[in-house]
Amino acid sequence: MKSNILIGFIIGDLIYIEKISEYEILLIYVDNRYRNKGFASYLINALTSPFFLQSLKKITLEVSKSNIFVTNLYIKNGFEEIKKKKKLL
């Protein structure tokens, strides 16, 4: 059964410079009742589908070093760590 209830979403910023598109993920949210059921991976997979990737050079995001759960989610879905930010005072 399908319903019109929003259970999750991605918010990001599409950057278009000189015919090159990049997307920065700012937030992925899944309702607490639907977590650990693959919905976040579904959203990420939709965003990284060939349909979207054909027009994007890259997708970036930032994750807090302490947020191991989310870091593992991104790694599981094919993202790789590029750099770590230095801690600011």
PDB file of N, CA and C in Angstrom:
ATOM      1  N   MET A   1       0.834  -1.186   0.000  1.00  0.00           N
ATOM      2  CA  MET A   1       0.000   0.000   0.000  1.00  0.00           C
ATOM      3  C   MET A   1       0.876   1.246   0.000  1.00  0.00           C
ATOM      4  N   LYS A   2       0.603   2.177  -0.869  1.00  0.00           N
ATOM      5  CA  LYS A   2       1.342   3.431  -0.925  1.00  0.00           C
ATOM      6  C   LYS A   2       0.532   4.515  -0.236  1.00  0.00           C
ATOM      7  N   SER A   3       1.255   5.427   0.392  1.00  0.00           N
ATOM      8  CA  SER A   3       0.589   6.555   1.034  1.00  0.00           C
ATOM      9  C   SER A   3       1.340   7.828   0.682  1.00  0.00           C
ATOM     10  N   ASN A   4       0.782   8.924   1.057  1.00  0.00           N
ATOM     11  CA  ASN A   4       1.390  10.220   0.780  1.00  0.00           C
ATOM     12  C   ASN A   4       2.089  10.782   2.002  1.00  0.00           C
ATOM     13  N   ILE A   5       2.619   9.920   2.846  1.00  0.00           N
ATOM     14  CA  ILE A   5       3.302  10.350   4.061  1.00  0.00           C
ATOM     15  C   ILE A   5       4.785  10.507   3.769  1.00  0.00           C
ATOM     16  N   LEU A   6       5.330  11.667   4.090  1.00  0.00           N
ATOM     17  CA  LEU A   6       6.755  11.920   3.904  1.00  0.00           C
ATOM     18  C   LEU A   6       7.518  11.244   5.040  1.00  0.00           C
ATOM     19  N   ILE A   7       8.399  10.323   4.698  1.00  0.00           N
ATOM     20  CA  ILE A   7       9.174   9.630   5.732  1.00  0.00           C
ATOM     21  C   ILE A   7      10.653   9.991   5.688  1.00  0.00           C
ATOM     22  N   GLY A   8      11.090  10.648   4.634  1.00  0.00           N
ATOM     23  CA  GLY A   8      12.489  11.042   4.554  1.00  0.00           C
ATOM     24  C   GLY A   8      12.731  11.971   3.385  1.00  0.00           C
ATOM     25  N   PHE A   9      13.882  12.652   3.425  1.00  0.00           N
ATOM     26  CA  PHE A   9      14.222  13.571   2.345  1.00  0.00           C
ATOM     27  C   PHE A   9      15.710  13.891   2.384  1.00  0.00           C
ATOM     28  N   ILE A  10      16.191  14.444   1.280  1.00  0.00           N
ATOM     29  CA  ILE A  10      17.555  14.959   1.180  1.00  0.00           C
ATOM     30  C   ILE A  10      17.454  16.441   0.842  1.00  0.00           C
ATOM     31  N   ILE A  11      18.233  17.232   1.536  1.00  0.00           N
ATOM     32  CA  ILE A  11      18.356  18.656   1.209  1.00  0.00           C
ATOM     33  C   ILE A  11      19.795  18.882   0.774  1.00  0.00           C
ATOM     34  N   GLY A  12      19.949  19.585  -0.330  1.00  0.00           N
ATOM     35  CA  GLY A  12      21.295  19.836  -0.822  1.00  0.00           C
ATOM     36  C   GLY A  12      21.371  21.119  -1.613  1.00  0.00           C
ATOM     37  N   ASP A  13      22.541  21.352  -2.135  1.00  0.00           N
ATOM     38  CA  ASP A  13      22.809  22.565  -2.886  1.00  0.00           C
ATOM     39  C   ASP A  13      23.411  22.170  -4.225  1.00  0.00           C
ATOM     40  N   LEU A  14      22.731  22.520  -5.302  1.00  0.00           N
ATOM     41  CA  LEU A  14      23.232  22.248  -6.641  1.00  0.00           C
ATOM     42  C   LEU A  14      24.057  23.450  -7.080  1.00  0.00           C
ATOM     43  N   ILE A  15      25.311  23.183  -7.405  1.00  0.00           N
ATOM     44  CA  ILE A  15      26.233  24.236  -7.811  1.00  0.00           C
ATOM     45  C   ILE A  15      26.534  24.033  -9.290  1.00  0.00           C
ATOM     46  N   TYR A  16      26.330  25.075 -10.077  1.00  0.00           N
ATOM     47  CA  TYR A  16      26.541  24.989 -11.517  1.00  0.00           C
ATOM     48  C   TYR A  16      27.503  26.092 -11.918  1.00  0.00           C
ATOM     49  N   ILE A  17      28.715  25.691 -12.306  1.00  0.00           N
ATOM     50  CA  ILE A  17      29.740  26.655 -12.711  1.00  0.00           C
ATOM     51  C   ILE A  17      30.339  26.191 -14.031  1.00  0.00           C
ATOM     52  N   GLU A  18      30.281  27.050 -15.025  1.00  0.00           N
ATOM     53  CA  GLU A  18      30.873  26.780 -16.341  1.00  0.00           C
ATOM     54  C   GLU A  18      30.503  25.396 -16.877  1.00  0.00           C
ATOM     55  N   LYS A  19      29.220  25.116 -16.907  1.00  0.00           N
ATOM     56  CA  LYS A  19      28.659  23.871 -17.446  1.00  0.00           C
ATOM     57  C   LYS A  19      29.048  22.625 -16.661  1.00  0.00           C
ATOM     58  N   ILE A  20      29.504  22.805 -15.435  1.00  0.00           N
ATOM     59  CA  ILE A  20      29.831  21.671 -14.570  1.00  0.00           C
ATOM     60  C   ILE A  20      28.924  21.754 -13.346  1.00  0.00           C
ATOM     61  N   SER A  21      28.221  20.660 -13.077  1.00  0.00           N
ATOM     62  CA  SER A  21      27.303  20.620 -11.952  1.00  0.00           C
ATOM     63  C   SER A  21      27.896  19.766 -10.828  1.00  0.00           C
ATOM     64  N   GLU A  22      27.789  20.272  -9.617  1.00  0.00           N
ATOM     65  CA  GLU A  22      28.170  19.530  -8.427  1.00  0.00           C
ATOM     66  C   GLU A  22      27.016  19.640  -7.440  1.00  0.00           C
ATOM     67  N   TYR A  23      26.873  18.638  -6.591  1.00  0.00           N
ATOM     68  CA  TYR A  23      25.793  18.628  -5.605  1.00  0.00           C
ATOM     69  C   TYR A  23      26.396  18.400  -4.229  1.00  0.00           C
ATOM     70  N   GLU A  24      26.039  19.251  -3.287  1.00  0.00           N
ATOM     71  CA  GLU A  24      26.489  19.078  -1.906  1.00  0.00           C
ATOM     72  C   GLU A  24      25.296  18.672  -1.055  1.00  0.00           C
ATOM     73  N   ILE A  25      25.395  17.504  -0.445  1.00  0.00           N
ATOM     74  CA  ILE A  25      24.345  17.044   0.466  1.00  0.00           C
ATOM     75  C   ILE A  25      24.499  17.814   1.770  1.00  0.00           C
ATOM     76  N   LEU A  26      23.455  18.485   2.180  1.00  0.00           N
ATOM     77  CA  LEU A  26      23.464  19.237   3.431  1.00  0.00           C
ATOM     78  C   LEU A  26      22.784  18.466   4.556  1.00  0.00           C
ATOM     79  N   LEU A  27      21.763  17.679   4.206  1.00  0.00           N
ATOM     80  CA  LEU A  27      21.005  16.956   5.230  1.00  0.00           C
ATOM     81  C   LEU A  27      20.278  15.777   4.604  1.00  0.00           C
ATOM     82  N   ILE A  28      20.365  14.643   5.266  1.00  0.00           N
ATOM     83  CA  ILE A  28      19.501  13.511   4.953  1.00  0.00           C
ATOM     84  C   ILE A  28      18.713  13.235   6.220  1.00  0.00           C
ATOM     85  N   TYR A  29      17.403  13.155   6.078  1.00  0.00           N
ATOM     86  CA  TYR A  29      16.546  12.900   7.239  1.00  0.00           C
ATOM     87  C   TYR A  29      15.604  11.751   6.928  1.00  0.00           C
ATOM     88  N   VAL A  30      15.484  10.838   7.884  1.00  0.00           N
ATOM     89  CA  VAL A  30      14.487   9.768   7.831  1.00  0.00           C
ATOM     90  C   VAL A  30      13.781   9.754   9.184  1.00  0.00           C
ATOM     91  N   ASP A  31      12.456   9.748   9.157  1.00  0.00           N
ATOM     92  CA  ASP A  31      11.643   9.698  10.372  1.00  0.00           C
ATOM     93  C   ASP A  31      12.114   8.553  11.277  1.00  0.00           C
ATOM     94  N   ASN A  32      12.160   8.808  12.567  1.00  0.00           N
ATOM     95  CA  ASN A  32      12.639   7.805  13.538  1.00  0.00           C
ATOM     96  C   ASN A  32      11.977   6.443  13.363  1.00  0.00           C
ATOM     97  N   ARG A  33      10.705   6.411  13.034  1.00  0.00           N
ATOM     98  CA  ARG A  33       9.981   5.139  12.913  1.00  0.00           C
ATOM     99  C   ARG A  33      10.443   4.312  11.720  1.00  0.00           C
ATOM    100  N   TYR A  34      11.146   4.941  10.773  1.00  0.00           N
ATOM    101  CA  TYR A  34      11.551   4.250   9.552  1.00  0.00           C
ATOM    102  C   TYR A  34      13.068   4.066   9.448  1.00  0.00           C
ATOM    103  N   ARG A  35      13.785   4.416  10.497  1.00  0.00           N
ATOM    104  CA  ARG A  35      15.244   4.277  10.465  1.00  0.00           C
ATOM    105  C   ARG A  35      15.653   2.818  10.569  1.00  0.00           C
ATOM    106  N   ASN A  36      16.839   2.538  10.067  1.00  0.00           N
ATOM    107  CA  ASN A  36      17.415   1.182  10.056  1.00  0.00           C
ATOM    108  C   ASN A  36      16.596   0.214   9.213  1.00  0.00           C
ATOM    109  N   LYS A  37      15.905   0.749   8.215  1.00  0.00           N
ATOM    110  CA  LYS A  37      15.109  -0.101   7.313  1.00  0.00           C
ATOM    111  C   LYS A  37      15.498   0.126   5.856  1.00  0.00           C
ATOM    112  N   GLY A  38      16.611   0.825   5.643  1.00  0.00           N
ATOM    113  CA  GLY A  38      17.124   1.015   4.290  1.00  0.00           C
ATOM    114  C   GLY A  38      16.631   2.257   3.571  1.00  0.00           C
ATOM    115  N   PHE A  39      15.852   3.092   4.223  1.00  0.00           N
ATOM    116  CA  PHE A  39      15.308   4.261   3.537  1.00  0.00           C
ATOM    117  C   PHE A  39      16.375   5.309   3.223  1.00  0.00           C
ATOM    118  N   ALA A  40      17.336   5.515   4.120  1.00  0.00           N
ATOM    119  CA  ALA A  40      18.415   6.474   3.841  1.00  0.00           C
ATOM    120  C   ALA A  40      19.242   5.991   2.652  1.00  0.00           C
ATOM    121  N   SER A  41      19.535   4.697   2.603  1.00  0.00           N
ATOM    122  CA  SER A  41      20.263   4.143   1.461  1.00  0.00           C
ATOM    123  C   SER A  41      19.455   4.292   0.186  1.00  0.00           C
ATOM    124  N   TYR A  42      18.152   4.113   0.272  1.00  0.00           N
ATOM    125  CA  TYR A  42      17.282   4.295  -0.900  1.00  0.00           C
ATOM    126  C   TYR A  42      17.390   5.730  -1.431  1.00  0.00           C
ATOM    127  N   LEU A  43      17.356   6.711  -0.527  1.00  0.00           N
ATOM    128  CA  LEU A  43      17.474   8.108  -0.939  1.00  0.00           C
ATOM    129  C   LEU A  43      18.831   8.379  -1.583  1.00  0.00           C
ATOM    130  N   ILE A  44      19.890   7.862  -0.975  1.00  0.00           N
ATOM    131  CA  ILE A  44      21.237   8.059  -1.517  1.00  0.00           C
ATOM    132  C   ILE A  44      21.355   7.391  -2.886  1.00  0.00           C
ATOM    133  N   ASN A  45      20.829   6.183  -3.009  1.00  0.00           N
ATOM    134  CA  ASN A  45      20.897   5.474  -4.286  1.00  0.00           C
ATOM    135  C   ASN A  45      20.118   6.203  -5.375  1.00  0.00           C
ATOM    136  N   ALA A  46      19.006   6.821  -5.017  1.00  0.00           N
ATOM    137  CA  ALA A  46      18.243   7.600  -6.003  1.00  0.00           C
ATOM    138  C   ALA A  46      19.064   8.797  -6.476  1.00  0.00           C
ATOM    139  N   LEU A  47      19.752   9.425  -5.551  1.00  0.00           N
ATOM    140  CA  LEU A  47      20.574  10.585  -5.891  1.00  0.00           C
ATOM    141  C   LEU A  47      21.799  10.187  -6.709  1.00  0.00           C
ATOM    142  N   THR A  48      22.324   9.009  -6.485  1.00  0.00           N
ATOM    143  CA  THR A  48      23.527   8.565  -7.193  1.00  0.00           C
ATOM    144  C   THR A  48      23.194   7.653  -8.377  1.00  0.00           C
ATOM    145  N   SER A  49      21.953   7.653  -8.802  1.00  0.00           N
ATOM    146  CA  SER A  49      21.559   6.841  -9.960  1.00  0.00           C
ATOM    147  C   SER A  49      22.195   7.414 -11.226  1.00  0.00           C
ATOM    148  N   PRO A  50      22.369   6.585 -12.243  1.00  0.00           N
ATOM    149  CA  PRO A  50      22.951   7.078 -13.505  1.00  0.00           C
ATOM    150  C   PRO A  50      22.211   8.279 -14.088  1.00  0.00           C
ATOM    151  N   PHE A  51      20.905   8.359 -13.868  1.00  0.00           N
ATOM    152  CA  PHE A  51      20.117   9.489 -14.371  1.00  0.00           C
ATOM    153  C   PHE A  51      20.654  10.814 -13.835  1.00  0.00           C
ATOM    154  N   PHE A  52      20.935  10.867 -12.524  1.00  0.00           N
ATOM    155  CA  PHE A  52      21.446  12.094 -11.923  1.00  0.00           C
ATOM    156  C   PHE A  52      22.945  12.260 -12.152  1.00  0.00           C
ATOM    157  N   LEU A  53      23.684  11.167 -12.074  1.00  0.00           N
ATOM    158  CA  LEU A  53      25.133  11.264 -12.194  1.00  0.00           C
ATOM    159  C   LEU A  53      25.592  11.698 -13.585  1.00  0.00           C
ATOM    160  N   GLN A  54      24.784  11.472 -14.598  1.00  0.00           N
ATOM    161  CA  GLN A  54      25.189  11.894 -15.939  1.00  0.00           C
ATOM    162  C   GLN A  54      25.342  13.401 -16.038  1.00  0.00           C
ATOM    163  N   SER A  55      24.672  14.145 -15.166  1.00  0.00           N
ATOM    164  CA  SER A  55      24.766  15.598 -15.219  1.00  0.00           C
ATOM    165  C   SER A  55      25.567  16.194 -14.055  1.00  0.00           C
ATOM    166  N   LEU A  56      26.076  15.339 -13.152  1.00  0.00           N
ATOM    167  CA  LEU A  56      26.846  15.825 -12.008  1.00  0.00           C
ATOM    168  C   LEU A  56      28.298  15.386 -12.113  1.00  0.00           C
ATOM    169  N   LYS A  57      29.207  16.303 -11.838  1.00  0.00           N
ATOM    170  CA  LYS A  57      30.620  15.945 -11.807  1.00  0.00           C
ATOM    171  C   LYS A  57      30.932  15.200 -10.519  1.00  0.00           C
ATOM    172  N   LYS A  58      30.360  15.677  -9.409  1.00  0.00           N
ATOM    173  CA  LYS A  58      30.588  14.998  -8.138  1.00  0.00           C
ATOM    174  C   LYS A  58      29.517  15.375  -7.127  1.00  0.00           C
ATOM    175  N   ILE A  59      29.431  14.555  -6.103  1.00  0.00           N
ATOM    176  CA  ILE A  59      28.536  14.795  -4.965  1.00  0.00           C
ATOM    177  C   ILE A  59      29.415  14.848  -3.729  1.00  0.00           C
ATOM    178  N   THR A  60      29.248  15.884  -2.926  1.00  0.00           N
ATOM    179  CA  THR A  60      30.057  16.026  -1.718  1.00  0.00           C
ATOM    180  C   THR A  60      29.160  16.199  -0.495  1.00  0.00           C
ATOM    181  N   LEU A  61      29.750  16.011   0.667  1.00  0.00           N
ATOM    182  CA  LEU A  61      29.051  16.216   1.919  1.00  0.00           C
ATOM    183  C   LEU A  61      30.058  16.293   3.041  1.00  0.00           C
ATOM    184  N   GLU A  62      29.623  16.783   4.175  1.00  0.00           N
ATOM    185  CA  GLU A  62      30.442  16.807   5.373  1.00  0.00           C
ATOM    186  C   GLU A  62      29.739  15.998   6.443  1.00  0.00           C
ATOM    187  N   VAL A  63      30.534  15.245   7.191  1.00  0.00           N
ATOM    188  CA  VAL A  63      30.010  14.445   8.293  1.00  0.00           C
ATOM    189  C   VAL A  63      30.895  14.690   9.501  1.00  0.00           C
ATOM    190  N   SER A  64      30.284  14.890  10.642  1.00  0.00           N
ATOM    191  CA  SER A  64      31.040  15.045  11.868  1.00  0.00           C
ATOM    192  C   SER A  64      31.849  13.782  12.147  1.00  0.00           C
ATOM    193  N   LYS A  65      33.083  13.960  12.548  1.00  0.00           N
ATOM    194  CA  LYS A  65      33.969  12.833  12.857  1.00  0.00           C
ATOM    195  C   LYS A  65      33.356  11.903  13.897  1.00  0.00           C
ATOM    196  N   SER A  66      32.579  12.454  14.800  1.00  0.00           N
ATOM    197  CA  SER A  66      31.991  11.654  15.881  1.00  0.00           C
ATOM    198  C   SER A  66      30.743  10.881  15.439  1.00  0.00           C
ATOM    199  N   ASN A  67      30.212  11.185  14.262  1.00  0.00           N
ATOM    200  CA  ASN A  67      28.983  10.538  13.804  1.00  0.00           C
ATOM    201  C   ASN A  67      29.323   9.281  12.989  1.00  0.00           C
ATOM    202  N   ILE A  68      29.734   8.249  13.670  1.00  0.00           N
ATOM    203  CA  ILE A  68      30.186   7.016  13.031  1.00  0.00           C
ATOM    204  C   ILE A  68      29.052   6.337  12.275  1.00  0.00           C
ATOM    205  N   PHE A  69      27.828   6.377  12.794  1.00  0.00           N
ATOM    206  CA  PHE A  69      26.688   5.746  12.124  1.00  0.00           C
ATOM    207  C   PHE A  69      26.494   6.315  10.732  1.00  0.00           C
ATOM    208  N   VAL A  70      26.494   7.638  10.625  1.00  0.00           N
ATOM    209  CA  VAL A  70      26.280   8.287   9.332  1.00  0.00           C
ATOM    210  C   VAL A  70      27.494   8.084   8.422  1.00  0.00           C
ATOM    211  N   THR A  71      28.692   8.154   8.979  1.00  0.00           N
ATOM    212  CA  THR A  71      29.894   7.888   8.185  1.00  0.00           C
ATOM    213  C   THR A  71      29.813   6.506   7.560  1.00  0.00           C
ATOM    214  N   ASN A  72      29.426   5.508   8.338  1.00  0.00           N
ATOM    215  CA  ASN A  72      29.299   4.148   7.820  1.00  0.00           C
ATOM    216  C   ASN A  72      28.212   4.043   6.761  1.00  0.00           C
ATOM    217  N   LEU A  73      27.127   4.797   6.915  1.00  0.00           N
ATOM    218  CA  LEU A  73      26.062   4.813   5.912  1.00  0.00           C
ATOM    219  C   LEU A  73      26.603   5.290   4.570  1.00  0.00           C
ATOM    220  N   TYR A  74      27.359   6.370   4.578  1.00  0.00           N
ATOM    221  CA  TYR A  74      27.905   6.900   3.330  1.00  0.00           C
ATOM    222  C   TYR A  74      28.934   5.962   2.718  1.00  0.00           C
ATOM    223  N   ILE A  75      29.795   5.395   3.530  1.00  0.00           N
ATOM    224  CA  ILE A  75      30.797   4.454   3.012  1.00  0.00           C
ATOM    225  C   ILE A  75      30.107   3.245   2.399  1.00  0.00           C
ATOM    226  N   LYS A  76      29.075   2.743   3.075  1.00  0.00           N
ATOM    227  CA  LYS A  76      28.320   1.601   2.555  1.00  0.00           C
ATOM    228  C   LYS A  76      27.702   1.908   1.193  1.00  0.00           C
ATOM    229  N   ASN A  77      27.400   3.168   0.960  1.00  0.00           N
ATOM    230  CA  ASN A  77      26.758   3.573  -0.287  1.00  0.00           C
ATOM    231  C   ASN A  77      27.735   4.150  -1.307  1.00  0.00           C
ATOM    232  N   GLY A  78      29.019   3.850  -1.155  1.00  0.00           N
ATOM    233  CA  GLY A  78      30.001   4.173  -2.183  1.00  0.00           C
ATOM    234  C   GLY A  78      30.734   5.486  -2.061  1.00  0.00           C
ATOM    235  N   PHE A  79      30.493   6.249  -1.009  1.00  0.00           N
ATOM    236  CA  PHE A  79      31.228   7.492  -0.821  1.00  0.00           C
ATOM    237  C   PHE A  79      32.590   7.173  -0.211  1.00  0.00           C
ATOM    238  N   GLU A  80      33.540   8.059  -0.428  1.00  0.00           N
ATOM    239  CA  GLU A  80      34.860   7.858   0.163  1.00  0.00           C
ATOM    240  C   GLU A  80      35.297   9.131   0.864  1.00  0.00           C
ATOM    241  N   GLU A  81      36.112   8.948   1.903  1.00  0.00           N
ATOM    242  CA  GLU A  81      36.611  10.095   2.650  1.00  0.00           C
ATOM    243  C   GLU A  81      37.727  10.750   1.858  1.00  0.00           C
ATOM    244  N   ILE A  82      37.634  12.062   1.702  1.00  0.00           N
ATOM    245  CA  ILE A  82      38.651  12.795   0.955  1.00  0.00           C
ATOM    246  C   ILE A  82      39.600  13.510   1.897  1.00  0.00           C
ATOM    247  N   LYS A  83      39.043  14.175   2.886  1.00  0.00           N
ATOM    248  CA  LYS A  83      39.908  14.869   3.843  1.00  0.00           C
ATOM    249  C   LYS A  83      39.176  15.050   5.161  1.00  0.00           C
ATOM    250  N   LYS A  84      39.946  15.314   6.176  1.00  0.00           N
ATOM    251  CA  LYS A  84      39.397  15.613   7.493  1.00  0.00           C
ATOM    252  C   LYS A  84      39.713  17.071   7.806  1.00  0.00           C
ATOM    253  N   LYS A  85      38.733  17.755   8.327  1.00  0.00           N
ATOM    254  CA  LYS A  85      38.957  19.147   8.721  1.00  0.00           C
ATOM    255  C   LYS A  85      39.668  19.191  10.057  1.00  0.00           C
ATOM    256  N   LYS A  86      40.532  20.172  10.198  1.00  0.00           N
ATOM    257  CA  LYS A  86      41.195  20.366  11.470  1.00  0.00           C
ATOM    258  C   LYS A  86      40.205  20.977  12.456  1.00  0.00           C
ATOM    259  N   LYS A  87      40.341  20.598  13.693  1.00  0.00           N
ATOM    260  CA  LYS A  87      39.461  21.127  14.734  1.00  0.00           C
ATOM    261  C   LYS A  87      39.777  22.607  14.969  1.00  0.00           C
ATOM    262  N   LEU A  88      38.742  23.426  14.941  1.00  0.00           N
ATOM    263  CA  LEU A  88      38.899  24.855  15.216  1.00  0.00           C
ATOM    264  C   LEU A  88      38.741  25.105  16.704  1.00  0.00           C
ATOM    265  N   LEU A  89      39.411  26.137  17.184  1.00  0.00           N
ATOM    266  CA  LEU A  89      39.323  26.461  18.609  1.00  0.00           C
ATOM    267  C   LEU A  89      38.010  27.011  18.995  1.00  0.00           C
TER     268      LEU A  89
END
